[in-house]
Each structure stands twice: as C-alpha cells, then as structure tokens.
Protein backbone atom coordinates (compact mmCIF):
# COMPACT_ATOMS: atom_id res chain seq x y z
CA MET A 1 116.47 60.97 175.28
CA ASN A 2 116.86 64.95 173.89
CA SER A 3 120.50 65.58 172.80
CA ILE A 4 122.98 67.14 174.25
CA ASN A 5 123.13 69.67 172.60
CA ALA A 6 119.49 70.56 172.49
CA TYR A 7 119.96 72.95 176.06
CA PRO A 8 121.65 75.94 176.80
CA ALA A 9 124.00 75.01 179.37
CA TRP A 10 125.42 78.50 179.53
CA ILE A 11 125.23 80.25 183.04
CA ASP A 12 126.36 78.56 185.94
CA LEU A 13 125.06 80.97 189.24
CA HIS A 14 125.78 78.65 191.93
CA LEU A 15 130.07 77.20 192.13
CA HIS A 16 131.97 76.77 195.20
CA LEU A 17 135.97 77.67 193.44
CA ASP A 18 136.94 74.98 196.33
CA GLY A 19 135.04 73.07 195.23
CA SER A 20 135.26 72.28 191.64
CA ILE A 21 138.91 72.72 191.87
CA ALA A 22 140.77 70.44 189.14
CA PRO A 23 143.00 66.78 190.36
CA LYS A 24 145.24 68.19 187.87
CA THR A 25 144.86 71.61 189.11
CA ALA A 26 145.80 70.43 192.69
CA ARG A 27 148.75 69.00 191.60
CA LYS A 28 150.69 72.24 190.28
CA LEU A 29 149.49 73.83 193.65
CA ALA A 30 150.96 71.30 195.61
CA GLY A 31 153.75 71.45 194.17
CA MET A 32 154.35 75.12 193.64
CA GLN A 33 153.83 75.68 197.88
CA GLY A 34 156.48 71.83 198.04
CA ILE A 35 153.74 70.99 199.66
CA PRO A 36 153.56 67.00 200.02
CA PHE A 37 151.64 65.16 197.74
CA PRO A 38 151.36 61.73 197.93
CA TYR A 39 148.66 60.54 195.87
CA THR A 40 147.78 58.14 193.58
CA ASP A 41 145.88 59.65 190.84
CA GLU A 42 143.65 57.47 192.12
CA GLU A 43 143.91 58.27 195.35
CA LEU A 44 143.67 61.92 194.34
CA LYS A 45 140.20 61.71 193.26
CA ARG A 46 139.61 59.72 196.05
CA ALA A 47 140.11 62.35 197.91
CA MET A 48 138.37 65.05 196.16
CA SER A 49 135.40 63.71 194.85
CA VAL A 50 132.17 61.17 196.53
CA LEU A 51 132.12 58.71 193.45
CA GLY A 52 128.66 57.52 194.73
CA ASN A 53 130.56 56.35 198.40
CA CYS A 54 128.39 59.99 200.57
CA ARG A 55 126.03 59.28 203.01
CA SER A 56 125.18 62.88 203.79
CA LEU A 57 126.31 66.60 203.63
CA ASN A 58 129.07 66.64 206.29
CA ASP A 59 130.16 63.81 204.07
CA TYR A 60 130.35 65.88 201.57
CA LEU A 61 132.08 68.72 202.95
CA GLU A 62 135.09 66.99 203.92
CA ARG A 63 136.15 66.23 200.34
CA PHE A 64 137.00 70.26 200.48
CA SER A 65 139.96 69.65 203.41
CA LEU A 66 142.31 68.91 200.78
CA PRO A 67 141.38 72.11 198.29
CA CYS A 68 141.45 74.58 201.25
CA SER A 69 144.77 73.29 202.58
CA LEU A 70 145.93 74.23 198.61
CA LEU A 71 145.13 78.04 198.72
CA HIS A 72 146.55 79.06 201.56
CA ILE A 73 149.31 81.63 198.98
CA ARG A 74 148.36 84.61 196.50
CA GLU A 75 149.51 82.43 193.49
CA ALA A 76 147.70 79.44 194.00
CA LEU A 77 144.76 81.52 194.78
CA TYR A 78 145.39 82.87 190.85
CA LEU A 79 146.23 79.09 189.52
CA CYS A 80 142.40 77.63 190.60
CA THR A 81 140.03 80.69 189.52
CA TYR A 82 142.42 81.23 186.61
CA GLU A 83 141.86 77.21 185.62
CA LEU A 84 138.36 77.10 186.69
CA LEU A 85 137.67 79.68 184.55
CA ASP A 86 139.31 77.97 181.23
CA GLU A 87 137.84 75.32 181.97
CA LEU A 88 135.07 76.32 182.17
CA CYS A 89 134.88 78.53 178.92
CA ALA A 90 136.10 75.68 176.96
CA GLN A 91 133.18 73.58 177.95
CA GLY A 92 130.44 76.30 176.73
CA VAL A 93 130.04 78.15 179.26
CA LYS A 94 129.09 82.02 178.69
CA TYR A 95 129.14 82.89 181.92
CA ALA A 96 129.43 82.04 185.50
CA GLU A 97 128.84 83.34 190.17
CA VAL A 98 132.02 82.01 191.72
CA ARG A 99 132.27 81.57 195.34
CA PHE A 100 134.56 81.06 197.82
CA ALA A 101 135.47 81.68 201.53
CA PRO A 102 137.49 84.07 202.26
CA GLN A 103 138.39 82.67 205.22
CA LYS A 104 139.53 79.85 204.98
CA SER A 105 142.35 81.36 202.43
CA ALA A 106 143.30 84.26 205.37
CA HIS A 107 146.13 81.81 206.37
CA GLY A 108 149.75 82.68 206.64
CA GLY A 109 149.92 86.59 206.71
CA MET A 110 147.42 86.10 203.98
CA THR A 111 144.65 88.18 205.07
CA GLN A 112 140.86 88.12 203.66
CA TYR A 113 140.64 91.43 201.42
CA GLU A 114 144.42 89.81 199.99
CA ALA A 115 142.62 87.32 199.00
CA VAL A 116 139.76 89.09 197.12
CA LYS A 117 141.85 90.86 195.53
CA ILE A 118 144.26 87.84 193.69
CA VAL A 119 141.23 86.32 192.90
CA LEU A 120 139.58 89.01 191.30
CA ARG A 121 142.81 89.92 189.81
CA ALA A 122 142.54 86.39 187.77
CA ILE A 123 138.56 86.63 187.57
CA GLU A 124 139.91 90.41 184.88
CA ASP A 125 142.31 87.87 183.31
CA ALA A 126 140.65 84.74 182.63
CA PRO A 127 138.27 84.34 179.31
CA LEU A 128 135.09 84.02 180.56
CA PRO A 129 132.27 86.87 182.78
CA CYS A 130 132.16 85.93 186.35
CA GLY A 131 131.14 86.91 189.13
CA LEU A 132 132.57 86.82 193.02
CA ILE A 133 130.57 86.16 195.52
CA LEU A 134 132.04 86.18 199.24
CA SER A 135 130.78 82.76 201.10
CA MET A 136 130.57 83.41 204.83
CA MET A 137 130.10 80.01 206.93
CA ARG A 138 128.65 78.34 209.32
CA GLY A 139 129.79 77.00 212.44
CA ASP A 140 130.23 77.97 216.73
CA ASP A 141 133.56 80.82 215.72
CA CYS A 142 133.25 82.18 212.88
CA HIS A 143 130.89 85.02 213.65
CA ALA A 144 133.91 87.80 213.33
CA ALA A 145 135.73 86.81 210.59
CA ASN A 146 131.53 86.67 208.82
CA MET A 147 131.67 90.11 210.04
CA GLU A 148 135.09 90.58 208.42
CA THR A 149 134.00 88.65 205.06
CA ILE A 150 131.44 91.27 205.50
CA GLU A 151 133.10 94.40 205.04
CA VAL A 152 135.52 93.00 202.03
CA ALA A 153 132.68 92.25 200.46
CA LYS A 154 131.71 96.67 200.64
CA ALA A 155 134.46 96.66 199.96
CA PHE A 156 134.56 95.15 196.12
CA HIS A 157 130.89 95.53 195.66
CA GLY A 158 129.92 97.44 192.36
CA LYS A 159 134.43 95.72 191.13
CA GLY A 160 133.29 92.07 190.47
CA VAL A 161 131.83 91.26 193.58
CA VAL A 162 128.28 90.33 193.37
CA ALA A 163 127.22 89.24 196.53
CA VAL A 164 127.49 87.88 199.39
CA ASP A 165 126.20 83.70 200.72
CA LEU A 166 126.31 81.69 203.86
CA ALA A 167 127.80 78.02 203.54
CA GLY A 168 128.38 75.43 205.62
CA ALA A 169 126.25 72.83 207.44
CA GLU A 170 123.46 73.50 207.79
CA ALA A 171 121.97 70.62 209.96
CA LEU A 172 124.09 71.85 212.48
CA PHE A 173 124.62 75.73 212.40
CA PRO A 174 120.80 76.85 212.11
CA THR A 175 120.37 79.78 209.90
CA HIS A 176 118.30 81.49 212.33
CA CYS A 177 121.92 81.57 214.20
CA PHE A 178 123.34 83.59 212.00
CA ASN A 179 121.01 86.98 211.89
CA ASP A 180 123.55 89.53 213.70
CA GLU A 181 124.96 88.93 209.60
CA PHE A 182 121.96 89.24 207.77
CA VAL A 183 120.80 92.29 209.26
CA ALA A 184 124.67 93.45 208.56
CA VAL A 185 124.89 92.26 205.09
CA ARG A 186 120.95 94.30 204.58
CA LYS A 187 122.21 97.01 206.03
CA ALA A 188 125.30 97.53 203.74
CA GLY A 189 123.04 97.23 200.71
CA MET A 190 124.21 93.75 199.49
CA PRO A 191 122.14 90.64 197.53
CA LEU A 192 122.32 88.34 200.35
CA ILE A 193 122.38 84.24 198.95
CA ILE A 194 121.51 81.76 201.24
CA HIS A 195 121.74 78.13 201.83
CA ALA A 196 119.08 76.41 202.71
CA GLY A 197 116.45 73.69 202.32
CA GLU A 198 119.31 71.35 201.78
CA ALA A 199 120.39 69.42 205.68
CA ALA A 200 117.56 71.15 206.81
CA GLY A 201 113.79 71.12 205.18
CA ALA A 202 111.38 74.18 204.81
CA GLU A 203 111.26 75.89 208.20
CA SER A 204 115.76 76.71 207.58
CA VAL A 205 114.31 77.61 203.53
CA ARG A 206 111.32 80.33 205.73
CA GLU A 207 114.38 82.03 208.15
CA ALA A 208 116.78 82.61 204.63
CA ILE A 209 113.48 84.07 202.98
CA GLU A 210 113.08 86.10 206.47
CA ALA A 211 115.76 87.11 205.93
CA GLY A 212 116.65 88.88 203.24
CA ALA A 213 117.71 85.81 200.78
CA VAL A 214 117.23 87.15 196.53
CA ARG A 215 118.16 83.42 195.73
CA ILE A 216 118.13 80.32 198.45
CA GLY A 217 121.38 77.50 197.59
CA HIS A 218 119.47 74.31 196.49
CA GLY A 219 116.86 75.22 198.87
CA VAL A 220 114.85 71.59 197.46
CA ARG A 221 112.93 70.87 200.61
CA ALA A 222 110.76 73.94 200.85
CA LEU A 223 108.44 71.78 199.32
CA GLU A 224 107.44 69.91 202.98
CA ASP A 225 105.71 73.13 203.84
CA PRO A 226 102.98 74.84 201.41
CA GLU A 227 103.12 78.48 203.30
CA VAL A 228 107.49 78.68 202.14
CA VAL A 229 106.46 77.51 198.83
CA ARG A 230 104.10 80.74 198.72
CA MET A 231 106.24 82.82 199.83
CA LEU A 232 108.75 81.92 197.68
CA VAL A 233 107.29 82.25 194.18
CA GLU A 234 104.88 85.31 196.16
CA ARG A 235 109.11 87.58 197.05
CA LYS A 236 109.66 86.05 193.18
CA ILE A 237 113.00 84.33 195.16
CA THR A 238 115.10 81.95 192.87
CA LEU A 239 116.25 78.74 193.77
CA GLU A 240 120.17 76.81 193.17
CA LEU A 241 119.15 74.03 191.96
CA CYS A 242 122.37 72.08 191.65
CA PRO A 243 121.41 68.25 191.33
CA THR A 244 124.01 65.46 191.26
CA SER A 245 124.93 67.20 194.93
CA ASN A 246 122.02 66.91 196.34
CA LEU A 247 121.82 63.21 194.80
CA ASN A 248 125.34 62.60 196.72
CA THR A 249 123.76 64.07 199.94
CA ALA A 250 121.50 61.84 199.57
CA ILE A 251 118.27 64.04 199.88
CA PHE A 252 117.18 61.80 197.07
CA PRO A 253 118.03 58.49 195.44
CA SER A 254 117.55 59.39 191.99
CA TYR A 255 117.71 61.84 189.00
CA GLU A 256 113.63 60.32 188.83
CA ALA A 257 112.97 61.55 191.52
CA TYR A 258 114.30 64.58 192.36
CA PRO A 259 111.99 67.41 192.88
CA LEU A 260 112.10 70.29 189.73
CA ARG A 261 108.68 68.93 187.83
CA ARG A 262 107.22 69.51 191.60
CA LEU A 263 108.98 72.95 192.39
CA MET A 264 108.32 74.60 188.11
CA ASP A 265 104.29 73.07 188.96
CA ALA A 266 104.49 75.42 192.06
CA GLY A 267 105.68 77.86 190.51
CA ILE A 268 109.05 78.60 192.18
CA ARG A 269 111.31 80.02 189.86
CA VAL A 270 114.67 77.75 189.14
CA SER A 271 117.68 77.55 188.00
CA ILE A 272 120.62 74.46 187.05
CA ASN A 273 123.92 74.71 187.83
CA THR A 274 127.10 72.62 188.86
CA ASP A 275 127.73 72.92 193.39
CA ASN A 276 131.25 71.88 192.95
CA MET A 277 132.17 70.38 190.09
CA THR A 278 134.91 68.02 191.45
CA VAL A 279 133.04 67.00 194.54
CA SER A 280 130.20 65.99 192.89
CA ASN A 281 132.78 64.88 189.51
CA THR A 282 129.88 66.94 187.21
CA THR A 283 129.52 69.83 184.52
CA LEU A 284 126.83 71.70 183.98
CA ARG A 285 126.19 70.54 180.98
CA GLN A 286 125.95 66.75 182.39
CA GLU A 287 123.42 68.69 184.48
CA TRP A 288 121.40 70.05 181.94
CA GLN A 289 121.57 66.47 180.68
CA HIS A 290 120.77 64.64 183.98
CA MET A 291 118.12 67.10 184.34
CA MET A 292 116.28 66.29 180.50
CA ASP A 293 116.62 62.41 180.39
CA ALA A 294 114.87 62.44 183.79
CA PHE A 295 111.69 65.19 182.65
CA PRO A 296 111.95 65.85 178.84
CA LEU A 297 111.54 69.15 179.50
CA THR A 298 109.36 71.03 176.20
CA GLU A 299 111.18 73.99 174.86
CA ASP A 300 108.68 76.58 176.67
CA GLU A 301 110.21 75.23 179.82
CA ILE A 302 113.77 75.09 178.68
CA GLN A 303 113.34 78.80 178.10
CA ARG A 304 111.45 79.44 181.34
CA ILE A 305 114.17 77.83 183.17
CA VAL A 306 117.03 80.38 180.97
CA ARG A 307 115.10 83.33 182.07
CA ASP A 308 114.84 82.93 185.18
CA THR A 309 118.92 82.01 185.43
CA ILE A 310 119.33 85.10 184.30
CA ASP A 311 117.13 87.03 186.04
CA ALA A 312 118.54 85.95 188.69
CA SER A 313 121.70 86.90 187.61
CA PHE A 314 124.29 89.96 188.74
CA ALA A 315 125.02 90.69 185.32
CA PRO A 316 124.19 92.59 183.09
CA LYS A 317 121.71 91.19 180.80
CA GLU A 318 122.97 93.12 177.69
CA LEU A 319 126.22 90.18 178.43
CA PHE A 320 123.33 87.67 177.79
CA LYS A 321 121.92 89.20 174.55
CA GLN A 322 124.12 87.66 171.95
CA PHE A 323 122.60 83.58 174.04
C-alpha cells in the first residue's frame, strides 16, 4: 500500500459547495436562521450522506435537499463557504474550484447576483485560493434561472468566477436540451463545464464535447464509444474524476473496477476530485488513496495527473510553482 503522504492531494477541481457542508456547519446555519433542526448526530449524518445505501444518481441528489434549505440568506452562504475553504486548507489542499448553483439560493429576497457576491466575499476572506464556478441546473423549468446565472457569471467573470457548469439529473434531462444555455455561455466567452457520462452514456459526453465543454464532470462512460474517446483526446478535454461519488451512484461496484487506468491508457486527461465531501463522506486525500490502492500508480503517472489537473485549472499557473 502506498503512503497517504506519497502523492500530491493538492488541487480539487470538482467540489460542490452544498454537497460539502460539514454537519457541524449545518447546525450553525440552522441556528442562525431559527430553522428547527431536530436531528441527532446520527440522523444528521444519514440525512446528509449516502453511507453506502444509495441506488442511483437521482437517489444521491436527494441528499442535497437539507443543505440547500440552509443557504437562503447571505450570512449562511458566507459561513458555509468560509468554513469549507478553511477545512480544505487544514487538509493540505492548496487550490480549489468550488461550484454552486446561485438559483438555489435565490429565495427570500436574495437574488442570484447577491448570492454570488457574498460567496466571492467569503472566498476573498478565506485562507485558500479558490475559483468559483456557477452551476446551471438540469430541469423542465430551469431555463430562465439558467440564463440569469449566465448573466451573473458574465458580471463576475474575471472577478472570482472562472467558469459556468451544468449539473443535475443527467438521465432525466439530457444534455442536448440545454443547447440555448451553451450557446449563451460560448457567446459570452466563458469556459463551459458539463456534467456528463455519469448517469447517461457516451452520447451525453459527445453532446458535451460538441457543446464546447472545456472540462467534463465525471465523463467516465465515454469509454463506451471509441469515437468519443478520440474526441476527448484530440481536443485535450480533461475529465473531472470523482471515484467515490461514482461508486455511491452505482456506476461501478468497486474502486478496482473504476476506469482510471483505462482512461489514462487511452490518452485521456484526468484529474482526481471529491465531488461532494459530505454527501460522499470523503476527502481529497482519501480519493487519491483509493486510486493509489486500486492502481499502484508510478511516479510518472502521478506527475501526469498533476500536470493535467494544473493545465485544466483556471488559476494563474504561477500559483502552482510552489508545489
């Protein structure tokens, strides 16, 4: 077994804010808003984490209901962002790109613009360098909110916001249904990330590539189609791999079955990430450890993943010279 300190668990490019709120932070958020919180510690854990009893991505997404209900005021958004980045810093992470859907906080009088502004203020105050990714959502009635997210992203692009993402129930709401949003993001000149190839197959990855995605969240099912693999390699698109999350959603039965080695052997660029630290009950170090145990990576392979991750990040590359 490789030592947990023998690899660089420094950079997380795929990390959802609402899926990474620590239970102790959730209690604080409820207290500051006067929200009844009749959970024992064990009940809270079951409400916020899958704990091995998840059946699908849709089941996994149900764990977001509680944390999202706590993020409807400015003070709550500030606190959860700051405490998350503080915790990442304590874990040894050096840089993160955190994503959240401002439309989920646009309640009780707070606009998407105000939600993003307060999250960016927390990032400025936190001890960890961080880029903010704004997530649009898949759904029947999300178009107007998604278009507003794009406008807000334009206002803050280059001022803390680094990209726009599409997240949500991929199998229920196919990637091609959001082409209007993709066109708007491209016209605005902002990087586009799309969750694809997770609950849906390689065709969803193809649609994400054709939509102009510069990175793909998960993307593991691209291997089902050699032509999609070729497109990923030729266009140098990085997959944001989140191993534990993909086991949680029953895409793979074990870490040994995870396709890290197959993706790398195919020439696809990859990064290793957490997705949702609380929902998946994981950390970046644990994700690396799982991959090191399942696939004893050589030093050259480790450095390749690090280089691909740095190249795919939206941070100034001089930030990483200290690593």
